[in-house]
């Protein structure tokens, strides 16, 4: 079995070169001297922003945005990416000339890339400026014009409703709080990312990241070395920097997230600098991709409250705890 994916778009981390400015993120947000990730420069709108989801060619979800009054443009939602990203083509069309260099860390590589400030970035009725946006080749993003990253979503709840095919951004209360969710799990924060530490995969405790920018699920070598899943052959992934790597792929029997259980799904394993950057190089870690997230009716990621919420499919919602789906 050979799996071709753009999974490497997930887990984008940006470190600005010292010759230009301080790093965008130097430490995790839970560290004593940590710095909060850059967020919107305007006050967040208290009302929910509900936008229609679309699906690009790699089965990842996109939403429309406008920039400086131009657009709309299709941006892929990536809850695994620290940074919002624009394609070079779109940056040229928008006339973004104030460019500097930064190190962009993808799933397979660390490389220097251009960054630029983006003003009047509009998601629904939320308008804000983003100080440092990586500019990447269109071919490495996919069919979208850019990536909607965590710097656009901090201190908000992000709700992906796969049943209604909508995307919403607001605070938790505006989106109904925890009502209607079958599973609520707490997460810790690292580099702006929420990491679920209570998950278990085939009997192994695993740090789990919800990654809407990944077509399938991706694990690190520390996880691979603890598993004995059936070998499925090779997985080929191209990351945001355009670096392609081929890695082995195995079938996972069971991942448990609270009471949710997902069975029999493939995982591609990579020796990734992004897991290292998140402090997960030596600890079993898994990026749960869109193929598995779509099994739920709704998934909400609450960055302010540090919670991830799951709504089970109706046909398993009222079954006893531990029901697989």
C-alpha atoms as a PDB file:
ATOM      1  CA  UNK A   1       0.000   0.000   0.000  1.00  0.00           C
ATOM      2  CA  UNK A   2       1.359   3.435  -0.928  1.00  0.00           C
ATOM      3  CA  UNK A   3      -0.170   6.542   0.586  1.00  0.00           C
ATOM      4  CA  UNK A   4       0.453   9.876  -1.129  1.00  0.00           C
ATOM      5  CA  UNK A   5      -0.401  12.818   1.092  1.00  0.00           C
ATOM      6  CA  UNK A   6       0.214  16.492   1.748  1.00  0.00           C
ATOM      7  CA  UNK A   7       0.169  15.690   5.449  1.00  0.00           C
ATOM      8  CA  UNK A   8       3.293  17.723   6.009  1.00  0.00           C
ATOM      9  CA  UNK A   9       1.336  20.960   5.770  1.00  0.00           C
ATOM     10  CA  UNK A  10       0.427  20.362   9.403  1.00  0.00           C
ATOM     11  CA  UNK A  11       2.611  21.420  12.326  1.00  0.00           C
ATOM     12  CA  UNK A  12       4.085  24.503  10.676  1.00  0.00           C
ATOM     13  CA  UNK A  13       6.266  26.424  13.153  1.00  0.00           C
ATOM     14  CA  UNK A  14       7.980  29.698  12.357  1.00  0.00           C
ATOM     15  CA  UNK A  15      11.184  30.991  13.964  1.00  0.00           C
ATOM     16  CA  UNK A  16      12.253  34.393  12.738  1.00  0.00           C
ATOM     17  CA  UNK A  17      15.947  34.659  11.880  1.00  0.00           C
ATOM     18  CA  UNK A  18      17.849  36.550  14.624  1.00  0.00           C
ATOM     19  CA  UNK A  19      19.117  39.164  12.174  1.00  0.00           C
ATOM     20  CA  UNK A  20      15.577  40.494  11.782  1.00  0.00           C
ATOM     21  CA  UNK A  21      13.546  40.124  14.980  1.00  0.00           C
ATOM     22  CA  UNK A  22      12.771  38.069  18.033  1.00  0.00           C
ATOM     23  CA  UNK A  23      11.341  34.607  17.462  1.00  0.00           C
ATOM     24  CA  UNK A  24       7.620  34.316  16.885  1.00  0.00           C
ATOM     25  CA  UNK A  25       7.580  31.632  19.574  1.00  0.00           C
ATOM     26  CA  UNK A  26      10.535  30.724  21.723  1.00  0.00           C
ATOM     27  CA  UNK A  27       8.943  28.468  24.328  1.00  0.00           C
ATOM     28  CA  UNK A  28       5.669  26.745  25.066  1.00  0.00           C
ATOM     29  CA  UNK A  29       2.886  28.836  26.560  1.00  0.00           C
ATOM     30  CA  UNK A  30       2.985  26.750  29.742  1.00  0.00           C
ATOM     31  CA  UNK A  31       6.650  27.576  30.401  1.00  0.00           C
ATOM     32  CA  UNK A  32       7.366  30.220  33.092  1.00  0.00           C
ATOM     33  CA  UNK A  33       9.045  32.586  30.627  1.00  0.00           C
ATOM     34  CA  UNK A  34       6.864  31.735  27.669  1.00  0.00           C
ATOM     35  CA  UNK A  35       5.437  34.311  25.305  1.00  0.00           C
ATOM     36  CA  UNK A  36       1.874  34.113  24.035  1.00  0.00           C
ATOM     37  CA  UNK A  37       1.584  33.505  20.294  1.00  0.00           C
ATOM     38  CA  UNK A  38       0.703  36.544  18.213  1.00  0.00           C
ATOM     39  CA  UNK A  39      -3.019  36.940  17.746  1.00  0.00           C
ATOM     40  CA  UNK A  40      -5.508  39.304  16.129  1.00  0.00           C
ATOM     41  CA  UNK A  41      -4.712  42.966  16.672  1.00  0.00           C
ATOM     42  CA  UNK A  42      -8.386  43.905  16.873  1.00  0.00           C
ATOM     43  CA  UNK A  43     -10.797  42.835  19.578  1.00  0.00           C
ATOM     44  CA  UNK A  44     -12.371  39.453  18.771  1.00  0.00           C
ATOM     45  CA  UNK A  45     -16.003  39.586  17.752  1.00  0.00           C
ATOM     46  CA  UNK A  46     -18.134  38.121  20.588  1.00  0.00           C
ATOM     47  CA  UNK A  47     -20.656  36.660  18.136  1.00  0.00           C
ATOM     48  CA  UNK A  48     -19.986  33.304  16.468  1.00  0.00           C
ATOM     49  CA  UNK A  49     -18.555  33.356  12.976  1.00  0.00           C
ATOM     50  CA  UNK A  50     -20.230  30.514  11.099  1.00  0.00           C
ATOM     51  CA  UNK A  51     -18.807  29.822   7.658  1.00  0.00           C
ATOM     52  CA  UNK A  52     -19.518  27.100   5.136  1.00  0.00           C
ATOM     53  CA  UNK A  53     -16.833  24.444   4.824  1.00  0.00           C
ATOM     54  CA  UNK A  54     -15.470  23.367   1.477  1.00  0.00           C
ATOM     55  CA  UNK A  55     -13.173  20.434   0.746  1.00  0.00           C
ATOM     56  CA  UNK A  56      -9.963  20.672  -1.267  1.00  0.00           C
ATOM     57  CA  UNK A  57      -8.482  17.872  -3.344  1.00  0.00           C
ATOM     58  CA  UNK A  58      -6.716  16.207  -0.384  1.00  0.00           C
ATOM     59  CA  UNK A  59      -9.983  16.058   1.617  1.00  0.00           C
ATOM     60  CA  UNK A  60      -9.010  18.880   3.979  1.00  0.00           C
ATOM     61  CA  UNK A  61     -11.445  21.670   4.785  1.00  0.00           C
ATOM     62  CA  UNK A  62     -11.241  25.277   3.596  1.00  0.00           C
ATOM     63  CA  UNK A  63     -13.045  28.526   4.430  1.00  0.00           C
ATOM     64  CA  UNK A  64     -13.262  31.837   2.536  1.00  0.00           C
ATOM     65  CA  UNK A  65     -11.244  34.838   3.760  1.00  0.00           C
ATOM     66  CA  UNK A  66     -10.579  38.301   2.370  1.00  0.00           C
ATOM     67  CA  UNK A  67      -7.356  40.310   2.677  1.00  0.00           C
ATOM     68  CA  UNK A  68      -7.281  44.098   2.408  1.00  0.00           C
ATOM     69  CA  UNK A  69     -10.698  43.996   0.767  1.00  0.00           C
ATOM     70  CA  UNK A  70      -9.651  41.515  -1.899  1.00  0.00           C
ATOM     71  CA  UNK A  71     -10.964  37.987  -2.341  1.00  0.00           C
ATOM     72  CA  UNK A  72     -12.531  35.813  -1.204  1.00  0.00           C
ATOM     73  CA  UNK A  73      -9.659  33.349  -1.080  1.00  0.00           C
ATOM     74  CA  UNK A  74      -9.806  29.718   0.003  1.00  0.00           C
ATOM     75  CA  UNK A  75      -7.765  29.028   3.158  1.00  0.00           C
ATOM     76  CA  UNK A  76      -7.272  25.533   4.521  1.00  0.00           C
ATOM     77  CA  UNK A  77      -8.003  25.223   8.255  1.00  0.00           C
ATOM     78  CA  UNK A  78      -4.961  23.744   9.973  1.00  0.00           C
ATOM     79  CA  UNK A  79      -5.198  23.414  13.760  1.00  0.00           C
ATOM     80  CA  UNK A  80      -1.717  21.870  13.686  1.00  0.00           C
ATOM     81  CA  UNK A  81      -0.071  24.948  12.160  1.00  0.00           C
ATOM     82  CA  UNK A  82       1.281  27.668  14.431  1.00  0.00           C
ATOM     83  CA  UNK A  83       1.277  30.178  11.586  1.00  0.00           C
ATOM     84  CA  UNK A  84      -1.136  31.406   8.955  1.00  0.00           C
ATOM     85  CA  UNK A  85       0.465  30.892   5.536  1.00  0.00           C
ATOM     86  CA  UNK A  86       0.013  32.531   2.128  1.00  0.00           C
ATOM     87  CA  UNK A  87       1.095  31.232  -1.233  1.00  0.00           C
ATOM     88  CA  UNK A  88       3.740  33.255  -3.058  1.00  0.00           C
ATOM     89  CA  UNK A  89       1.253  33.755  -5.899  1.00  0.00           C
ATOM     90  CA  UNK A  90      -1.319  35.318  -3.571  1.00  0.00           C
ATOM     91  CA  UNK A  91       1.320  37.459  -1.829  1.00  0.00           C
ATOM     92  CA  UNK A  92       2.427  38.808  -5.229  1.00  0.00           C
ATOM     93  CA  UNK A  93      -1.176  39.562  -6.208  1.00  0.00           C
ATOM     94  CA  UNK A  94      -1.679  41.439  -2.933  1.00  0.00           C
ATOM     95  CA  UNK A  95       1.527  43.411  -3.423  1.00  0.00           C
ATOM     96  CA  UNK A  96       3.206  42.236  -0.196  1.00  0.00           C
ATOM     97  CA  UNK A  97       6.724  43.624  -0.609  1.00  0.00           C
ATOM     98  CA  UNK A  98       7.897  44.062   3.010  1.00  0.00           C
ATOM     99  CA  UNK A  99       9.507  40.637   3.190  1.00  0.00           C
ATOM    100  CA  UNK A 100      12.116  39.165   5.533  1.00  0.00           C
ATOM    101  CA  UNK A 101      13.535  35.696   6.142  1.00  0.00           C
ATOM    102  CA  UNK A 102      12.502  33.175   8.761  1.00  0.00           C
ATOM    103  CA  UNK A 103      12.996  29.489   9.490  1.00  0.00           C
ATOM    104  CA  UNK A 104       9.871  27.481   8.733  1.00  0.00           C
ATOM    105  CA  UNK A 105       9.683  24.058  10.362  1.00  0.00           C
ATOM    106  CA  UNK A 106       7.582  21.544   8.463  1.00  0.00           C
ATOM    107  CA  UNK A 107       6.864  17.888   9.092  1.00  0.00           C
ATOM    108  CA  UNK A 108      10.049  16.883   7.245  1.00  0.00           C
ATOM    109  CA  UNK A 109      12.394  19.868   7.269  1.00  0.00           C
ATOM    110  CA  UNK A 110      13.684  23.200   8.553  1.00  0.00           C
ATOM    111  CA  UNK A 111      14.241  25.783   5.814  1.00  0.00           C
ATOM    112  CA  UNK A 112      14.506  29.530   5.394  1.00  0.00           C
ATOM    113  CA  UNK A 113      11.512  31.166   3.754  1.00  0.00           C
ATOM    114  CA  UNK A 114      10.110  34.629   3.206  1.00  0.00           C
ATOM    115  CA  UNK A 115       7.670  36.142   5.691  1.00  0.00           C
ATOM    116  CA  UNK A 116       5.578  39.309   5.417  1.00  0.00           C
ATOM    117  CA  UNK A 117       3.031  41.224   7.503  1.00  0.00           C
ATOM    118  CA  UNK A 118      -0.585  40.891   6.385  1.00  0.00           C
ATOM    119  CA  UNK A 119      -3.111  43.590   7.215  1.00  0.00           C
ATOM    120  CA  UNK A 120      -6.907  43.513   7.216  1.00  0.00           C
ATOM    121  CA  UNK A 121      -7.097  39.718   7.219  1.00  0.00           C
ATOM    122  CA  UNK A 122     -10.849  39.066   7.401  1.00  0.00           C
ATOM    123  CA  UNK A 123     -12.493  35.860   8.601  1.00  0.00           C
ATOM    124  CA  UNK A 124     -16.261  36.408   8.596  1.00  0.00           C
ATOM    125  CA  UNK A 125     -16.620  39.765  10.389  1.00  0.00           C
ATOM    126  CA  UNK A 126     -13.372  39.395  12.366  1.00  0.00           C
ATOM    127  CA  UNK A 127     -10.720  41.705  10.947  1.00  0.00           C
ATOM    128  CA  UNK A 128      -7.150  41.639  12.213  1.00  0.00           C
ATOM    129  CA  UNK A 129      -3.522  42.065  11.257  1.00  0.00           C
ATOM    130  CA  UNK A 130      -0.930  39.292  11.344  1.00  0.00           C
ATOM    131  CA  UNK A 131       2.667  40.349  11.886  1.00  0.00           C
ATOM    132  CA  UNK A 132       4.585  37.411  10.405  1.00  0.00           C
ATOM    133  CA  UNK A 133       3.073  35.237   7.662  1.00  0.00           C
ATOM    134  CA  UNK A 134       5.239  32.676   5.820  1.00  0.00           C
ATOM    135  CA  UNK A 135       5.038  32.802   2.036  1.00  0.00           C
ATOM    136  CA  UNK A 136       5.253  29.331   0.523  1.00  0.00           C
ATOM    137  CA  UNK A 137       5.066  27.779  -2.948  1.00  0.00           C
ATOM    138  CA  UNK A 138       1.530  27.045  -4.068  1.00  0.00           C
ATOM    139  CA  UNK A 139       2.420  23.447  -4.910  1.00  0.00           C
ATOM    140  CA  UNK A 140       3.318  22.774  -1.263  1.00  0.00           C
ATOM    141  CA  UNK A 141       0.029  24.102   0.098  1.00  0.00           C
ATOM    142  CA  UNK A 142      -2.335  22.168  -2.145  1.00  0.00           C
ATOM    143  CA  UNK A 143      -5.282  23.654  -3.986  1.00  0.00           C
ATOM    144  CA  UNK A 144      -5.963  26.336  -1.340  1.00  0.00           C
ATOM    145  CA  UNK A 145      -4.639  29.905  -1.491  1.00  0.00           C
ATOM    146  CA  UNK A 146      -3.251  29.688   2.024  1.00  0.00           C
ATOM    147  CA  UNK A 147      -3.462  28.108   5.465  1.00  0.00           C
ATOM    148  CA  UNK A 148      -5.472  29.402   8.402  1.00  0.00           C
ATOM    149  CA  UNK A 149      -3.193  28.779  11.388  1.00  0.00           C
ATOM    150  CA  UNK A 150      -3.310  29.102  15.167  1.00  0.00           C
ATOM    151  CA  UNK A 151      -2.212  32.747  15.128  1.00  0.00           C
ATOM    152  CA  UNK A 152      -5.665  33.527  13.697  1.00  0.00           C
ATOM    153  CA  UNK A 153      -7.517  31.403  16.234  1.00  0.00           C
ATOM    154  CA  UNK A 154      -5.942  31.953  19.660  1.00  0.00           C
ATOM    155  CA  UNK A 155      -8.185  32.562  22.707  1.00  0.00           C
ATOM    156  CA  UNK A 156     -11.154  31.327  20.685  1.00  0.00           C
ATOM    157  CA  UNK A 157     -13.076  28.094  20.281  1.00  0.00           C
ATOM    158  CA  UNK A 158     -12.906  26.543  16.827  1.00  0.00           C
ATOM    159  CA  UNK A 159     -15.873  24.339  15.927  1.00  0.00           C
ATOM    160  CA  UNK A 160     -15.817  21.972  12.955  1.00  0.00           C
ATOM    161  CA  UNK A 161     -19.321  20.621  12.316  1.00  0.00           C
ATOM    162  CA  UNK A 162     -18.973  17.830   9.774  1.00  0.00           C
ATOM    163  CA  UNK A 163     -22.694  17.051   9.830  1.00  0.00           C
ATOM    164  CA  UNK A 164     -23.738  20.628   8.993  1.00  0.00           C
ATOM    165  CA  UNK A 165     -20.553  21.230   6.990  1.00  0.00           C
ATOM    166  CA  UNK A 166     -19.780  24.479   8.829  1.00  0.00           C
ATOM    167  CA  UNK A 167     -16.863  26.132  10.617  1.00  0.00           C
ATOM    168  CA  UNK A 168     -17.360  28.519  13.531  1.00  0.00           C
ATOM    169  CA  UNK A 169     -15.021  30.726  15.581  1.00  0.00           C
ATOM    170  CA  UNK A 170     -16.077  32.434  18.828  1.00  0.00           C
ATOM    171  CA  UNK A 171     -15.678  32.126  22.567  1.00  0.00           C
ATOM    172  CA  UNK A 172     -17.059  28.974  24.164  1.00  0.00           C
ATOM    173  CA  UNK A 173     -20.202  30.591  25.578  1.00  0.00           C
ATOM    174  CA  UNK A 174     -21.198  32.050  22.216  1.00  0.00           C
ATOM    175  CA  UNK A 175     -20.921  28.566  20.714  1.00  0.00           C
ATOM    176  CA  UNK A 176     -23.120  26.933  23.352  1.00  0.00           C
ATOM    177  CA  UNK A 177     -20.514  25.916  25.896  1.00  0.00           C
ATOM    178  CA  UNK A 178     -20.099  22.171  26.419  1.00  0.00           C
ATOM    179  CA  UNK A 179     -23.750  21.308  25.805  1.00  0.00           C
ATOM    180  CA  UNK A 180     -24.332  18.442  23.390  1.00  0.00           C
ATOM    181  CA  UNK A 181     -20.775  17.089  23.399  1.00  0.00           C
ATOM    182  CA  UNK A 182     -20.286  13.476  24.371  1.00  0.00           C
ATOM    183  CA  UNK A 183     -16.598  13.736  25.235  1.00  0.00           C
ATOM    184  CA  UNK A 184     -14.636  16.645  26.715  1.00  0.00           C
ATOM    185  CA  UNK A 185     -10.897  16.173  27.293  1.00  0.00           C
ATOM    186  CA  UNK A 186      -8.375  18.582  28.735  1.00  0.00           C
ATOM    187  CA  UNK A 187      -5.163  19.470  26.918  1.00  0.00           C
ATOM    188  CA  UNK A 188      -1.939  21.288  27.690  1.00  0.00           C
ATOM    189  CA  UNK A 189      -0.589  24.138  25.650  1.00  0.00           C
ATOM    190  CA  UNK A 190       2.771  24.145  23.879  1.00  0.00           C
ATOM    191  CA  UNK A 191       3.812  26.720  21.252  1.00  0.00           C
ATOM    192  CA  UNK A 192       0.158  27.720  21.015  1.00  0.00           C
ATOM    193  CA  UNK A 193      -0.779  24.125  20.220  1.00  0.00           C
ATOM    194  CA  UNK A 194      -3.171  22.039  22.324  1.00  0.00           C
ATOM    195  CA  UNK A 195      -1.845  18.570  23.113  1.00  0.00           C
ATOM    196  CA  UNK A 196      -4.076  15.872  24.608  1.00  0.00           C
ATOM    197  CA  UNK A 197      -1.962  13.899  27.070  1.00  0.00           C
ATOM    198  CA  UNK A 198      -4.579  11.356  28.198  1.00  0.00           C
ATOM    199  CA  UNK A 199      -4.932   9.421  24.914  1.00  0.00           C
ATOM    200  CA  UNK A 200      -3.841   5.800  24.480  1.00  0.00           C
ATOM    201  CA  UNK A 201      -2.970   3.976  21.271  1.00  0.00           C
ATOM    202  CA  UNK A 202      -2.764   0.177  21.289  1.00  0.00           C
ATOM    203  CA  UNK A 203      -1.943   0.252  24.984  1.00  0.00           C
ATOM    204  CA  UNK A 204       0.681   3.011  24.677  1.00  0.00           C
ATOM    205  CA  UNK A 205       0.168   6.415  26.290  1.00  0.00           C
ATOM    206  CA  UNK A 206       0.389   8.966  23.511  1.00  0.00           C
ATOM    207  CA  UNK A 207       0.439  12.764  23.196  1.00  0.00           C
ATOM    208  CA  UNK A 208      -2.240  13.572  20.638  1.00  0.00           C
ATOM    209  CA  UNK A 209      -2.623  16.642  18.430  1.00  0.00           C
ATOM    210  CA  UNK A 210      -5.770  17.380  16.426  1.00  0.00           C
ATOM    211  CA  UNK A 211      -4.419  18.279  12.985  1.00  0.00           C
ATOM    212  CA  UNK A 212      -7.001  19.425  10.442  1.00  0.00           C
ATOM    213  CA  UNK A 213      -4.239  20.147   7.919  1.00  0.00           C
ATOM    214  CA  UNK A 214      -3.227  16.502   7.632  1.00  0.00           C
ATOM    215  CA  UNK A 215      -4.995  14.149   5.252  1.00  0.00           C
ATOM    216  CA  UNK A 216      -4.177  11.145   7.448  1.00  0.00           C
ATOM    217  CA  UNK A 217      -2.660  10.472  10.851  1.00  0.00           C
ATOM    218  CA  UNK A 218       1.079  10.841  11.459  1.00  0.00           C
ATOM    219  CA  UNK A 219       3.151   9.466  14.337  1.00  0.00           C
ATOM    220  CA  UNK A 220       6.715   9.984  15.486  1.00  0.00           C
ATOM    221  CA  UNK A 221       9.429   7.340  15.746  1.00  0.00           C
ATOM    222  CA  UNK A 222       9.029   7.098  19.524  1.00  0.00           C
ATOM    223  CA  UNK A 223       5.484   5.864  18.896  1.00  0.00           C
ATOM    224  CA  UNK A 224       6.506   3.576  16.043  1.00  0.00           C
ATOM    225  CA  UNK A 225       9.085   1.878  18.238  1.00  0.00           C
ATOM    226  CA  UNK A 226       6.417   0.985  20.796  1.00  0.00           C
ATOM    227  CA  UNK A 227       3.856  -0.450  18.374  1.00  0.00           C
ATOM    228  CA  UNK A 228       3.535  -3.795  16.639  1.00  0.00           C
ATOM    229  CA  UNK A 229       0.868  -2.913  14.106  1.00  0.00           C
ATOM    230  CA  UNK A 230       0.565  -4.610  10.719  1.00  0.00           C
ATOM    231  CA  UNK A 231       2.953  -3.181   8.128  1.00  0.00           C
ATOM    232  CA  UNK A 232       1.075  -1.404   5.311  1.00  0.00           C
ATOM    233  CA  UNK A 233       4.033  -0.445   3.148  1.00  0.00           C
ATOM    234  CA  UNK A 234       5.191   3.108   2.490  1.00  0.00           C
ATOM    235  CA  UNK A 235       3.761   6.604   2.888  1.00  0.00           C
ATOM    236  CA  UNK A 236       5.025   9.518   0.821  1.00  0.00           C
ATOM    237  CA  UNK A 237       4.513  13.030   2.210  1.00  0.00           C
ATOM    238  CA  UNK A 238       5.508  16.467   0.964  1.00  0.00           C
ATOM    239  CA  UNK A 239       5.816  19.140   3.634  1.00  0.00           C
ATOM    240  CA  UNK A 240       5.219  22.887   3.528  1.00  0.00           C
ATOM    241  CA  UNK A 241       8.831  23.463   2.432  1.00  0.00           C
ATOM    242  CA  UNK A 242       8.457  21.098  -0.509  1.00  0.00           C
ATOM    243  CA  UNK A 243      10.616  18.382   1.051  1.00  0.00           C
ATOM    244  CA  UNK A 244       9.336  14.876   0.359  1.00  0.00           C
ATOM    245  CA  UNK A 245      10.056  11.860   2.514  1.00  0.00           C
ATOM    246  CA  UNK A 246       9.005   8.256   2.354  1.00  0.00           C
ATOM    247  CA  UNK A 247       8.239   6.494   5.610  1.00  0.00           C
ATOM    248  CA  UNK A 248       6.775   3.232   6.786  1.00  0.00           C
ATOM    249  CA  UNK A 249       3.073   2.901   7.488  1.00  0.00           C
ATOM    250  CA  UNK A 250       1.309   0.656   9.985  1.00  0.00           C
ATOM    251  CA  UNK A 251      -2.241  -0.188  10.936  1.00  0.00           C
ATOM    252  CA  UNK A 252      -3.278   0.977  14.407  1.00  0.00           C
ATOM    253  CA  UNK A 253      -5.833  -1.233  16.129  1.00  0.00           C
ATOM    254  CA  UNK A 254      -7.310   1.195  18.644  1.00  0.00           C
ATOM    255  CA  UNK A 255      -6.906   4.778  19.859  1.00  0.00           C
ATOM    256  CA  UNK A 256      -8.847   5.887  22.925  1.00  0.00           C
ATOM    257  CA  UNK A 257      -9.594   9.552  23.578  1.00  0.00           C
ATOM    258  CA  UNK A 258     -11.700   9.681  26.704  1.00  0.00           C
ATOM    259  CA  UNK A 259     -14.629   7.387  25.919  1.00  0.00           C
ATOM    260  CA  UNK A 260     -14.143   7.641  22.154  1.00  0.00           C
ATOM    261  CA  UNK A 261     -12.526   4.700  20.443  1.00  0.00           C
ATOM    262  CA  UNK A 262     -11.348   4.703  16.832  1.00  0.00           C
ATOM    263  CA  UNK A 263     -10.311   1.352  15.448  1.00  0.00           C
ATOM    264  CA  UNK A 264      -8.238   0.089  12.517  1.00  0.00           C
ATOM    265  CA  UNK A 265      -6.728   3.159  10.869  1.00  0.00           C
ATOM    266  CA  UNK A 266      -3.351   3.725   9.169  1.00  0.00           C
ATOM    267  CA  UNK A 267      -0.513   5.814  10.618  1.00  0.00           C
ATOM    268  CA  UNK A 268       2.521   7.099   8.717  1.00  0.00           C
ATOM    269  CA  UNK A 269       5.647   7.429  10.858  1.00  0.00           C
ATOM    270  CA  UNK A 270       8.181  10.227  10.388  1.00  0.00           C
ATOM    271  CA  UNK A 271      11.293  11.490  12.151  1.00  0.00           C
ATOM    272  CA  UNK A 272       9.972  15.036  12.251  1.00  0.00           C
ATOM    273  CA  UNK A 273      11.564  18.263  13.524  1.00  0.00           C
ATOM    274  CA  UNK A 274       8.089  19.550  14.392  1.00  0.00           C
ATOM    275  CA  UNK A 275       7.576  16.879  17.053  1.00  0.00           C
ATOM    276  CA  UNK A 276      11.013  17.817  18.406  1.00  0.00           C
ATOM    277  CA  UNK A 277      10.078  21.507  18.471  1.00  0.00           C
ATOM    278  CA  UNK A 278       6.960  20.686  20.498  1.00  0.00           C
ATOM    279  CA  UNK A 279       9.027  18.732  23.033  1.00  0.00           C
ATOM    280  CA  UNK A 280       7.671  15.405  21.778  1.00  0.00           C
ATOM    281  CA  UNK A 281      10.762  13.931  20.141  1.00  0.00           C
ATOM    282  CA  UNK A 282      11.296  11.201  22.745  1.00  0.00           C
ATOM    283  CA  UNK A 283       7.669  10.720  23.744  1.00  0.00           C
ATOM    284  CA  UNK A 284       5.115   8.744  21.687  1.00  0.00           C
ATOM    285  CA  UNK A 285       3.087  11.342  19.774  1.00  0.00           C
ATOM    286  CA  UNK A 286       0.331  11.243  17.167  1.00  0.00           C
ATOM    287  CA  UNK A 287      -1.139  13.858  14.860  1.00  0.00           C
ATOM    288  CA  UNK A 288      -4.748  12.768  14.316  1.00  0.00           C
ATOM    289  CA  UNK A 289      -5.639  13.677  10.738  1.00  0.00           C
ATOM    290  CA  UNK A 290      -8.817  14.488   8.825  1.00  0.00           C
ATOM    291  CA  UNK A 291      -9.595  10.909   7.837  1.00  0.00           C
ATOM    292  CA  UNK A 292     -10.128  10.079  11.514  1.00  0.00           C
ATOM    293  CA  UNK A 293     -11.611  13.421  12.617  1.00  0.00           C
ATOM    294  CA  UNK A 294     -14.390  13.092  10.051  1.00  0.00           C
ATOM    295  CA  UNK A 295     -15.665  10.055  11.949  1.00  0.00           C
ATOM    296  CA  UNK A 296     -17.083  12.501  14.527  1.00  0.00           C
ATOM    297  CA  UNK A 297     -20.112  14.706  13.937  1.00  0.00           C
ATOM    298  CA  UNK A 298     -18.416  17.706  15.559  1.00  0.00           C
ATOM    299  CA  UNK A 299     -14.965  18.525  16.887  1.00  0.00           C
ATOM    300  CA  UNK A 300     -14.338  21.698  18.909  1.00  0.00           C
ATOM    301  CA  UNK A 301     -10.913  22.984  19.950  1.00  0.00           C
ATOM    302  CA  UNK A 302     -11.063  25.538  22.743  1.00  0.00           C
ATOM    303  CA  UNK A 303      -7.714  27.319  22.976  1.00  0.00           C
ATOM    304  CA  UNK A 304      -8.724  29.577  25.859  1.00  0.00           C
ATOM    305  CA  UNK A 305     -10.100  26.807  28.091  1.00  0.00           C
ATOM    306  CA  UNK A 306      -7.567  24.214  26.855  1.00  0.00           C
ATOM    307  CA  UNK A 307     -10.175  21.628  25.988  1.00  0.00           C
ATOM    308  CA  UNK A 308     -10.980  19.463  22.971  1.00  0.00           C
ATOM    309  CA  UNK A 309     -14.590  18.354  22.576  1.00  0.00           C
ATOM    310  CA  UNK A 310     -15.982  15.521  20.470  1.00  0.00           C
ATOM    311  CA  UNK A 311     -19.527  14.746  19.369  1.00  0.00           C
ATOM    312  CA  UNK A 312     -19.980  11.072  18.550  1.00  0.00           C
ATOM    313  CA  UNK A 313     -21.939   9.858  15.528  1.00  0.00           C
ATOM    314  CA  UNK A 314     -25.608   9.424  16.392  1.00  0.00           C
ATOM    315  CA  UNK A 315     -25.562   5.655  15.847  1.00  0.00           C
ATOM    316  CA  UNK A 316     -22.990   5.171  18.648  1.00  0.00           C
ATOM    317  CA  UNK A 317     -23.833   8.129  20.901  1.00  0.00           C
ATOM    318  CA  UNK A 318     -25.925   6.218  23.398  1.00  0.00           C
ATOM    319  CA  UNK A 319     -23.919   3.012  23.481  1.00  0.00           C
ATOM    320  CA  UNK A 320     -21.995   1.997  26.561  1.00  0.00           C
ATOM    321  CA  UNK A 321     -18.582   3.615  27.215  1.00  0.00           C
ATOM    322  CA  UNK A 322     -15.855   2.027  25.130  1.00  0.00           C
ATOM    323  CA  UNK A 323     -18.033   1.534  22.024  1.00  0.00           C
ATOM    324  CA  UNK A 324     -15.876   1.527  18.918  1.00  0.00           C
ATOM    325  CA  UNK A 325     -16.726   3.357  15.741  1.00  0.00           C
END
